[in-house]
Amino acid sequence: MNQEINIQRQYYANTANLYDKIHNNQEQEHILGLHLLASYIEFYQIRSVLDVGAGTGRTILWLKRRFPNLIIKGIEPVKELREQGYIKGILESELVDGDGCNLPFPDNSVDLVCEFAVLHHVKKPETVVQEMSRVASKMICISDCNFMGQGIPPLRLLKYFIFSLGLWKVADWFKTKGKGYTISEEDGLAYSYSVYQNLSTIDNYWQQLRIMNTNGDSDHHLGQIFSAAHLLVIAFDKK
């Protein structure tokens, strides 16, 4: 296990008993994302869900309350976070040890695979997206950051310009002084991330794609690149 993974997992181990209190009021975009996802679950008659990076099982509990007959399982690599989920009544068989980069499930074995605020903590998010797409038979859902929609408007345009030239990794290397990541008390170790970075990977597996603004000023596709700090991506109709 590399140093960055150790730092992140230690952060969650140390804050596990405060995790829900810290994050519940800070992640309204993901609550909105869950409500939007619920409509897709109903419309497409989803019967089974896998939540990647399930943490303390907040998504599991929310979906179980909304859909009592839904078969849902979560994977989470941090033991202390899983234990918080068990305290809340989640079964050990429902919240299991696992890594999003190597999901322990067969191809096409779950209707829907989702993640909420996980990919910006992963050094190679495209690997997680590939694994999600491999395991899902009907749909994947990504609720995560868009660095180009964060900051003051001139900064957002600059980020987009750098990203469009293919130079974002270089710029981020200088920004983070060669580390490639930042560390904060609120979020632990995180990488600069935008869901737009993984659209080509998603396109390799799925025919239909929806991108929805869950925290920003514009729902227009081009406008939300610059104005949405968080986005919900739902992909379906597997190729």
C-alpha atoms as a PDB file:
ATOM      1  CA  MET A   1       0.000   0.000   0.000  1.00  0.00           C
ATOM      2  CA  ASN A   2       1.506   3.335  -1.013  1.00  0.00           C
ATOM      3  CA  GLN A   3       1.962   6.344   1.238  1.00  0.00           C
ATOM      4  CA  GLU A   4      -0.996   8.291  -0.153  1.00  0.00           C
ATOM      5  CA  ILE A   5      -3.442   5.442   0.499  1.00  0.00           C
ATOM      6  CA  ASN A   6      -2.033   5.056   4.009  1.00  0.00           C
ATOM      7  CA  ILE A   7      -2.554   8.775   4.714  1.00  0.00           C
ATOM      8  CA  GLN A   8      -6.147   8.690   3.482  1.00  0.00           C
ATOM      9  CA  ARG A   9      -7.123   5.524   5.318  1.00  0.00           C
ATOM     10  CA  GLN A  10      -5.507   6.732   8.534  1.00  0.00           C
ATOM     11  CA  TYR A  11      -7.490   9.940   8.289  1.00  0.00           C
ATOM     12  CA  TYR A  12     -10.753   8.010   8.032  1.00  0.00           C
ATOM     13  CA  ALA A  13      -9.745   5.638  10.808  1.00  0.00           C
ATOM     14  CA  ASN A  14      -9.056   8.594  13.101  1.00  0.00           C
ATOM     15  CA  THR A  15     -12.297  10.422  12.232  1.00  0.00           C
ATOM     16  CA  ALA A  16     -14.645   7.448  11.805  1.00  0.00           C
ATOM     17  CA  ASN A  17     -16.738   8.181  14.895  1.00  0.00           C
ATOM     18  CA  LEU A  18     -17.243  11.783  13.711  1.00  0.00           C
ATOM     19  CA  TYR A  19     -17.581  11.026  10.007  1.00  0.00           C
ATOM     20  CA  ASP A  20     -21.356  11.427   9.697  1.00  0.00           C
ATOM     21  CA  LYS A  21     -21.391  14.568  11.835  1.00  0.00           C
ATOM     22  CA  ILE A  22     -18.626  16.166   9.747  1.00  0.00           C
ATOM     23  CA  HIS A  23     -20.105  15.342   6.354  1.00  0.00           C
ATOM     24  CA  ASN A  24     -23.894  15.305   6.723  1.00  0.00           C
ATOM     25  CA  ASN A  25     -24.320  19.073   6.461  1.00  0.00           C
ATOM     26  CA  GLN A  26     -21.557  19.567   3.890  1.00  0.00           C
ATOM     27  CA  GLU A  27     -22.717  17.263   1.116  1.00  0.00           C
ATOM     28  CA  GLN A  28     -26.176  18.432   0.097  1.00  0.00           C
ATOM     29  CA  GLU A  29     -25.166  17.905  -3.539  1.00  0.00           C
ATOM     30  CA  HIS A  30     -24.949  14.166  -2.881  1.00  0.00           C
ATOM     31  CA  ILE A  31     -28.355  14.106  -1.170  1.00  0.00           C
ATOM     32  CA  LEU A  32     -29.785  15.761  -4.277  1.00  0.00           C
ATOM     33  CA  GLY A  33     -27.883  13.191  -6.331  1.00  0.00           C
ATOM     34  CA  LEU A  34     -29.543  10.381  -4.383  1.00  0.00           C
ATOM     35  CA  HIS A  35     -32.997  11.814  -5.049  1.00  0.00           C
ATOM     36  CA  LEU A  36     -32.217  12.072  -8.758  1.00  0.00           C
ATOM     37  CA  LEU A  37     -30.804   8.544  -8.773  1.00  0.00           C
ATOM     38  CA  ALA A  38     -33.969   7.257  -7.070  1.00  0.00           C
ATOM     39  CA  SER A  39     -36.025   8.300 -10.096  1.00  0.00           C
ATOM     40  CA  TYR A  40     -33.765   6.223 -12.359  1.00  0.00           C
ATOM     41  CA  ILE A  41     -33.977   3.261  -9.996  1.00  0.00           C
ATOM     42  CA  GLU A  42     -37.771   3.440 -10.177  1.00  0.00           C
ATOM     43  CA  PHE A  43     -38.045   4.062 -13.917  1.00  0.00           C
ATOM     44  CA  TYR A  44     -35.530   1.388 -14.962  1.00  0.00           C
ATOM     45  CA  GLN A  45     -36.706  -1.096 -12.321  1.00  0.00           C
ATOM     46  CA  ILE A  46     -33.306  -1.523 -10.706  1.00  0.00           C
ATOM     47  CA  ARG A  47     -33.274  -4.488  -8.329  1.00  0.00           C
ATOM     48  CA  SER A  48     -29.690  -4.553  -7.044  1.00  0.00           C
ATOM     49  CA  VAL A  49     -27.140  -1.850  -6.189  1.00  0.00           C
ATOM     50  CA  LEU A  50     -23.458  -1.785  -5.236  1.00  0.00           C
ATOM     51  CA  ASP A  51     -22.117   1.339  -3.514  1.00  0.00           C
ATOM     52  CA  VAL A  52     -18.360   1.790  -3.997  1.00  0.00           C
ATOM     53  CA  GLY A  53     -16.534   3.469  -1.114  1.00  0.00           C
ATOM     54  CA  ALA A  54     -19.610   3.175   1.076  1.00  0.00           C
ATOM     55  CA  GLY A  55     -18.017   4.684   4.188  1.00  0.00           C
ATOM     56  CA  THR A  56     -20.389   4.368   7.151  1.00  0.00           C
ATOM     57  CA  GLY A  57     -23.191   3.169   4.888  1.00  0.00           C
ATOM     58  CA  ARG A  58     -25.162   6.399   4.514  1.00  0.00           C
ATOM     59  CA  THR A  59     -26.149   5.626   0.914  1.00  0.00           C
ATOM     60  CA  ILE A  60     -27.046   2.049   1.861  1.00  0.00           C
ATOM     61  CA  LEU A  61     -29.400   3.222   4.601  1.00  0.00           C
ATOM     62  CA  TRP A  62     -30.957   5.959   2.451  1.00  0.00           C
ATOM     63  CA  LEU A  63     -31.719   3.546  -0.383  1.00  0.00           C
ATOM     64  CA  LYS A  64     -32.974   0.838   1.968  1.00  0.00           C
ATOM     65  CA  ARG A  65     -35.465   3.303   3.465  1.00  0.00           C
ATOM     66  CA  ARG A  66     -36.592   4.460   0.016  1.00  0.00           C
ATOM     67  CA  PHE A  67     -36.645   0.976  -1.564  1.00  0.00           C
ATOM     68  CA  PRO A  68     -37.199  -1.706   1.099  1.00  0.00           C
ATOM     69  CA  ASN A  69     -37.030  -4.539  -1.451  1.00  0.00           C
ATOM     70  CA  LEU A  70     -33.816  -3.330  -3.088  1.00  0.00           C
ATOM     71  CA  ILE A  71     -30.809  -5.625  -2.782  1.00  0.00           C
ATOM     72  CA  ILE A  72     -27.948  -3.322  -1.857  1.00  0.00           C
ATOM     73  CA  LYS A  73     -24.367  -3.912  -0.826  1.00  0.00           C
ATOM     74  CA  GLY A  74     -21.479  -1.552  -0.146  1.00  0.00           C
ATOM     75  CA  ILE A  75     -17.727  -2.007  -0.185  1.00  0.00           C
ATOM     76  CA  GLU A  76     -15.423   0.025   2.042  1.00  0.00           C
ATOM     77  CA  PRO A  77     -11.688  -0.564   2.681  1.00  0.00           C
ATOM     78  CA  VAL A  78     -11.511   1.251   6.045  1.00  0.00           C
ATOM     79  CA  LYS A  79     -12.436  -1.082   8.910  1.00  0.00           C
ATOM     80  CA  GLU A  80     -13.335   1.737  11.299  1.00  0.00           C
ATOM     81  CA  LEU A  81     -15.865   3.207   8.858  1.00  0.00           C
ATOM     82  CA  ARG A  82     -17.487  -0.179   8.310  1.00  0.00           C
ATOM     83  CA  GLU A  83     -17.787  -0.625  12.064  1.00  0.00           C
ATOM     84  CA  GLN A  84     -19.705   2.654  12.296  1.00  0.00           C
ATOM     85  CA  GLY A  85     -22.105   1.256   9.723  1.00  0.00           C
ATOM     86  CA  TYR A  86     -22.615  -1.904  11.748  1.00  0.00           C
ATOM     87  CA  ILE A  87     -23.452   0.200  14.808  1.00  0.00           C
ATOM     88  CA  LYS A  88     -26.237   1.809  12.733  1.00  0.00           C
ATOM     89  CA  GLY A  89     -27.715  -1.594  11.978  1.00  0.00           C
ATOM     90  CA  ILE A  90     -26.157  -2.442   8.612  1.00  0.00           C
ATOM     91  CA  LEU A  91     -25.314  -6.126   8.340  1.00  0.00           C
ATOM     92  CA  GLU A  92     -21.710  -7.218   7.872  1.00  0.00           C
ATOM     93  CA  SER A  93     -22.844  -9.026   4.732  1.00  0.00           C
ATOM     94  CA  GLU A  94     -24.180  -5.718   3.376  1.00  0.00           C
ATOM     95  CA  LEU A  95     -21.090  -3.592   4.058  1.00  0.00           C
ATOM     96  CA  VAL A  96     -17.930  -5.511   3.230  1.00  0.00           C
ATOM     97  CA  ASP A  97     -14.220  -4.936   2.843  1.00  0.00           C
ATOM     98  CA  GLY A  98     -13.282  -4.045  -0.708  1.00  0.00           C
ATOM     99  CA  ASP A  99     -11.316  -1.804  -3.056  1.00  0.00           C
ATOM    100  CA  GLY A 100     -12.936   0.122  -5.882  1.00  0.00           C
ATOM    101  CA  CYS A 101      -9.911  -0.531  -8.100  1.00  0.00           C
ATOM    102  CA  ASN A 102     -10.515  -4.283  -7.913  1.00  0.00           C
ATOM    103  CA  LEU A 103     -14.170  -5.015  -7.206  1.00  0.00           C
ATOM    104  CA  PRO A 104     -14.713  -8.588  -5.925  1.00  0.00           C
ATOM    105  CA  PHE A 105     -17.776  -9.175  -8.099  1.00  0.00           C
ATOM    106  CA  PRO A 106     -18.313 -10.938 -11.464  1.00  0.00           C
ATOM    107  CA  ASP A 107     -19.019  -9.085 -14.698  1.00  0.00           C
ATOM    108  CA  ASN A 108     -22.583  -7.764 -15.059  1.00  0.00           C
ATOM    109  CA  SER A 109     -23.536  -9.133 -11.621  1.00  0.00           C
ATOM    110  CA  VAL A 110     -25.257  -6.004 -10.225  1.00  0.00           C
ATOM    111  CA  ASP A 111     -27.901  -3.851 -11.909  1.00  0.00           C
ATOM    112  CA  LEU A 112     -26.465  -0.528 -10.734  1.00  0.00           C
ATOM    113  CA  VAL A 113     -23.049   0.454  -9.365  1.00  0.00           C
ATOM    114  CA  CYS A 114     -22.707   3.896  -7.786  1.00  0.00           C
ATOM    115  CA  GLU A 115     -20.167   6.083  -6.005  1.00  0.00           C
ATOM    116  CA  PHE A 116     -20.651   9.256  -4.008  1.00  0.00           C
ATOM    117  CA  ALA A 117     -17.611  11.509  -3.388  1.00  0.00           C
ATOM    118  CA  VAL A 118     -15.060   8.734  -3.864  1.00  0.00           C
ATOM    119  CA  LEU A 119     -13.297   9.372  -7.172  1.00  0.00           C
ATOM    120  CA  HIS A 120     -11.591  12.582  -6.016  1.00  0.00           C
ATOM    121  CA  HIS A 121      -9.850  10.465  -3.367  1.00  0.00           C
ATOM    122  CA  VAL A 122      -8.463   8.007  -5.929  1.00  0.00           C
ATOM    123  CA  LYS A 123      -5.185   8.531  -7.758  1.00  0.00           C
ATOM    124  CA  LYS A 124      -6.428   6.676 -10.852  1.00  0.00           C
ATOM    125  CA  PRO A 125     -10.208   7.204 -10.926  1.00  0.00           C
ATOM    126  CA  GLU A 126     -10.497   5.752 -14.424  1.00  0.00           C
ATOM    127  CA  THR A 127      -9.648   2.326 -12.953  1.00  0.00           C
ATOM    128  CA  VAL A 128     -12.587   2.591 -10.544  1.00  0.00           C
ATOM    129  CA  VAL A 129     -14.903   3.709 -13.374  1.00  0.00           C
ATOM    130  CA  GLN A 130     -13.774   0.723 -15.451  1.00  0.00           C
ATOM    131  CA  GLU A 131     -14.473  -1.652 -12.561  1.00  0.00           C
ATOM    132  CA  MET A 132     -17.864  -0.081 -11.899  1.00  0.00           C
ATOM    133  CA  SER A 133     -18.755  -0.492 -15.566  1.00  0.00           C
ATOM    134  CA  ARG A 134     -17.531  -4.074 -15.630  1.00  0.00           C
ATOM    135  CA  VAL A 135     -19.677  -5.141 -12.676  1.00  0.00           C
ATOM    136  CA  ALA A 136     -22.816  -3.133 -13.585  1.00  0.00           C
ATOM    137  CA  SER A 137     -25.296  -4.682 -15.992  1.00  0.00           C
ATOM    138  CA  LYS A 138     -27.727  -1.776 -16.392  1.00  0.00           C
ATOM    139  CA  MET A 139     -26.307   1.482 -15.069  1.00  0.00           C
ATOM    140  CA  ILE A 140     -23.572   3.348 -13.218  1.00  0.00           C
ATOM    141  CA  CYS A 141     -23.917   6.531 -11.188  1.00  0.00           C
ATOM    142  CA  ILE A 142     -21.111   8.963 -10.324  1.00  0.00           C
ATOM    143  CA  SER A 143     -21.662  11.870  -7.926  1.00  0.00           C
ATOM    144  CA  ASP A 144     -18.439  13.812  -7.638  1.00  0.00           C
ATOM    145  CA  CYS A 145     -16.386  16.956  -8.161  1.00  0.00           C
ATOM    146  CA  ASN A 146     -15.741  19.203 -11.116  1.00  0.00           C
ATOM    147  CA  PHE A 147     -12.627  21.273 -10.419  1.00  0.00           C
ATOM    148  CA  MET A 148     -13.405  23.506 -13.416  1.00  0.00           C
ATOM    149  CA  GLY A 149     -16.571  24.695 -11.676  1.00  0.00           C
ATOM    150  CA  GLN A 150     -14.785  25.692  -8.470  1.00  0.00           C
ATOM    151  CA  GLY A 151     -13.353  29.114  -7.630  1.00  0.00           C
ATOM    152  CA  ILE A 152     -14.032  32.593  -8.959  1.00  0.00           C
ATOM    153  CA  PRO A 153     -15.221  32.825 -12.622  1.00  0.00           C
ATOM    154  CA  PRO A 154     -11.867  33.911 -14.146  1.00  0.00           C
ATOM    155  CA  LEU A 155     -10.141  31.000 -12.376  1.00  0.00           C
ATOM    156  CA  ARG A 156     -12.729  28.553 -13.680  1.00  0.00           C
ATOM    157  CA  LEU A 157     -12.114  29.712 -17.257  1.00  0.00           C
ATOM    158  CA  LEU A 158      -8.364  29.400 -16.766  1.00  0.00           C
ATOM    159  CA  LYS A 159      -8.766  25.859 -15.455  1.00  0.00           C
ATOM    160  CA  TYR A 160     -10.899  24.913 -18.440  1.00  0.00           C
ATOM    161  CA  PHE A 161      -8.389  26.429 -20.858  1.00  0.00           C
ATOM    162  CA  ILE A 162      -5.528  24.493 -19.260  1.00  0.00           C
ATOM    163  CA  PHE A 163      -7.603  21.296 -19.186  1.00  0.00           C
ATOM    164  CA  SER A 164      -8.647  21.661 -22.837  1.00  0.00           C
ATOM    165  CA  LEU A 165      -4.966  21.924 -23.818  1.00  0.00           C
ATOM    166  CA  GLY A 166      -4.204  18.679 -21.991  1.00  0.00           C
ATOM    167  CA  LEU A 167      -1.955  20.438 -19.496  1.00  0.00           C
ATOM    168  CA  TRP A 168      -3.953  20.064 -16.289  1.00  0.00           C
ATOM    169  CA  LYS A 169      -1.705  17.391 -14.763  1.00  0.00           C
ATOM    170  CA  VAL A 170       1.299  19.656 -15.252  1.00  0.00           C
ATOM    171  CA  ALA A 171      -0.494  22.640 -13.742  1.00  0.00           C
ATOM    172  CA  ASP A 172      -1.718  20.565 -10.816  1.00  0.00           C
ATOM    173  CA  TRP A 173       1.815  19.272 -10.211  1.00  0.00           C
ATOM    174  CA  PHE A 174       3.025  22.855  -9.767  1.00  0.00           C
ATOM    175  CA  LYS A 175      -0.040  23.797  -7.718  1.00  0.00           C
ATOM    176  CA  THR A 176       0.549  20.961  -5.246  1.00  0.00           C
ATOM    177  CA  LYS A 177       4.333  21.444  -5.261  1.00  0.00           C
ATOM    178  CA  GLY A 178       4.939  18.068  -6.825  1.00  0.00           C
ATOM    179  CA  LYS A 179       2.736  16.042  -4.492  1.00  0.00           C
ATOM    180  CA  GLY A 180      -0.260  15.753  -6.796  1.00  0.00           C
ATOM    181  CA  TYR A 181      -2.709  15.953  -3.888  1.00  0.00           C
ATOM    182  CA  THR A 182      -3.882  18.180  -1.044  1.00  0.00           C
ATOM    183  CA  ILE A 183      -4.740  17.389   2.577  1.00  0.00           C
ATOM    184  CA  SER A 184      -7.470  19.094   4.595  1.00  0.00           C
ATOM    185  CA  GLU A 185      -9.119  18.514   7.962  1.00  0.00           C
ATOM    186  CA  GLU A 186     -12.535  18.271   6.303  1.00  0.00           C
ATOM    187  CA  ASP A 187     -11.714  15.824   3.512  1.00  0.00           C
ATOM    188  CA  GLY A 188      -8.362  14.203   4.216  1.00  0.00           C
ATOM    189  CA  LEU A 189      -6.209  13.484   1.188  1.00  0.00           C
ATOM    190  CA  ALA A 190      -7.818  14.479  -2.103  1.00  0.00           C
ATOM    191  CA  TYR A 191      -6.845  14.873  -5.739  1.00  0.00           C
ATOM    192  CA  SER A 192      -7.931  17.525  -8.198  1.00  0.00           C
ATOM    193  CA  TYR A 193     -10.761  15.838 -10.076  1.00  0.00           C
ATOM    194  CA  SER A 194     -13.512  16.468 -12.594  1.00  0.00           C
ATOM    195  CA  VAL A 195     -16.062  13.955 -13.826  1.00  0.00           C
ATOM    196  CA  TYR A 196     -15.269  15.255 -17.312  1.00  0.00           C
ATOM    197  CA  GLN A 197     -11.894  13.524 -17.047  1.00  0.00           C
ATOM    198  CA  ASN A 198     -13.611  10.126 -17.151  1.00  0.00           C
ATOM    199  CA  LEU A 199     -16.267  10.669 -19.816  1.00  0.00           C
ATOM    200  CA  SER A 200     -14.196   8.879 -22.465  1.00  0.00           C
ATOM    201  CA  THR A 201     -13.835   5.862 -20.167  1.00  0.00           C
ATOM    202  CA  ILE A 202     -17.584   5.845 -19.540  1.00  0.00           C
ATOM    203  CA  ASP A 203     -18.223   6.100 -23.286  1.00  0.00           C
ATOM    204  CA  ASN A 204     -16.291   2.850 -23.821  1.00  0.00           C
ATOM    205  CA  TYR A 205     -18.950   0.931 -21.882  1.00  0.00           C
ATOM    206  CA  TRP A 206     -22.231   2.831 -22.118  1.00  0.00           C
ATOM    207  CA  GLN A 207     -24.435   4.145 -24.913  1.00  0.00           C
ATOM    208  CA  GLN A 208     -26.488   6.685 -22.945  1.00  0.00           C
ATOM    209  CA  LEU A 209     -25.137   9.403 -20.672  1.00  0.00           C
ATOM    210  CA  ARG A 210     -26.796  12.056 -18.489  1.00  0.00           C
ATOM    211  CA  ILE A 211     -24.842  14.821 -16.723  1.00  0.00           C
ATOM    212  CA  MET A 212     -26.761  16.806 -14.087  1.00  0.00           C
ATOM    213  CA  ASN A 213     -25.724  19.850 -12.087  1.00  0.00           C
ATOM    214  CA  THR A 214     -26.079  19.203  -8.343  1.00  0.00           C
ATOM    215  CA  ASN A 215     -24.218  22.286  -7.086  1.00  0.00           C
ATOM    216  CA  GLY A 216     -23.886  25.268  -9.396  1.00  0.00           C
ATOM    217  CA  ASP A 217     -25.586  27.969 -11.430  1.00  0.00           C
ATOM    218  CA  SER A 218     -26.261  26.476 -14.861  1.00  0.00           C
ATOM    219  CA  ASP A 219     -27.860  23.333 -16.286  1.00  0.00           C
ATOM    220  CA  HIS A 220     -26.691  24.057 -19.835  1.00  0.00           C
ATOM    221  CA  HIS A 221     -24.105  21.424 -20.818  1.00  0.00           C
ATOM    222  CA  LEU A 222     -21.391  23.918 -21.727  1.00  0.00           C
ATOM    223  CA  GLY A 223     -22.265  26.308 -18.913  1.00  0.00           C
ATOM    224  CA  GLN A 224     -22.110  23.678 -16.201  1.00  0.00           C
ATOM    225  CA  ILE A 225     -18.480  22.912 -17.054  1.00  0.00           C
ATOM    226  CA  PHE A 226     -17.660  26.344 -15.598  1.00  0.00           C
ATOM    227  CA  SER A 227     -20.431  26.705 -13.015  1.00  0.00           C
ATOM    228  CA  ALA A 228     -21.052  23.297 -11.425  1.00  0.00           C
ATOM    229  CA  ALA A 229     -18.743  22.365  -8.563  1.00  0.00           C
ATOM    230  CA  HIS A 230     -20.394  18.945  -8.320  1.00  0.00           C
ATOM    231  CA  LEU A 231     -22.106  16.840 -10.953  1.00  0.00           C
ATOM    232  CA  LEU A 232     -24.157  13.689 -11.134  1.00  0.00           C
ATOM    233  CA  VAL A 233     -23.352  11.384 -14.056  1.00  0.00           C
ATOM    234  CA  ILE A 234     -25.648   8.490 -14.909  1.00  0.00           C
ATOM    235  CA  ALA A 235     -24.701   6.115 -17.711  1.00  0.00           C
ATOM    236  CA  PHE A 236     -26.907   3.300 -18.994  1.00  0.00           C
ATOM    237  CA  ASP A 237     -27.567   0.970 -21.980  1.00  0.00           C
ATOM    238  CA  LYS A 238     -24.405  -1.093 -21.870  1.00  0.00           C
ATOM    239  CA  LYS A 239     -22.525  -1.608 -25.108  1.00  0.00           C
END
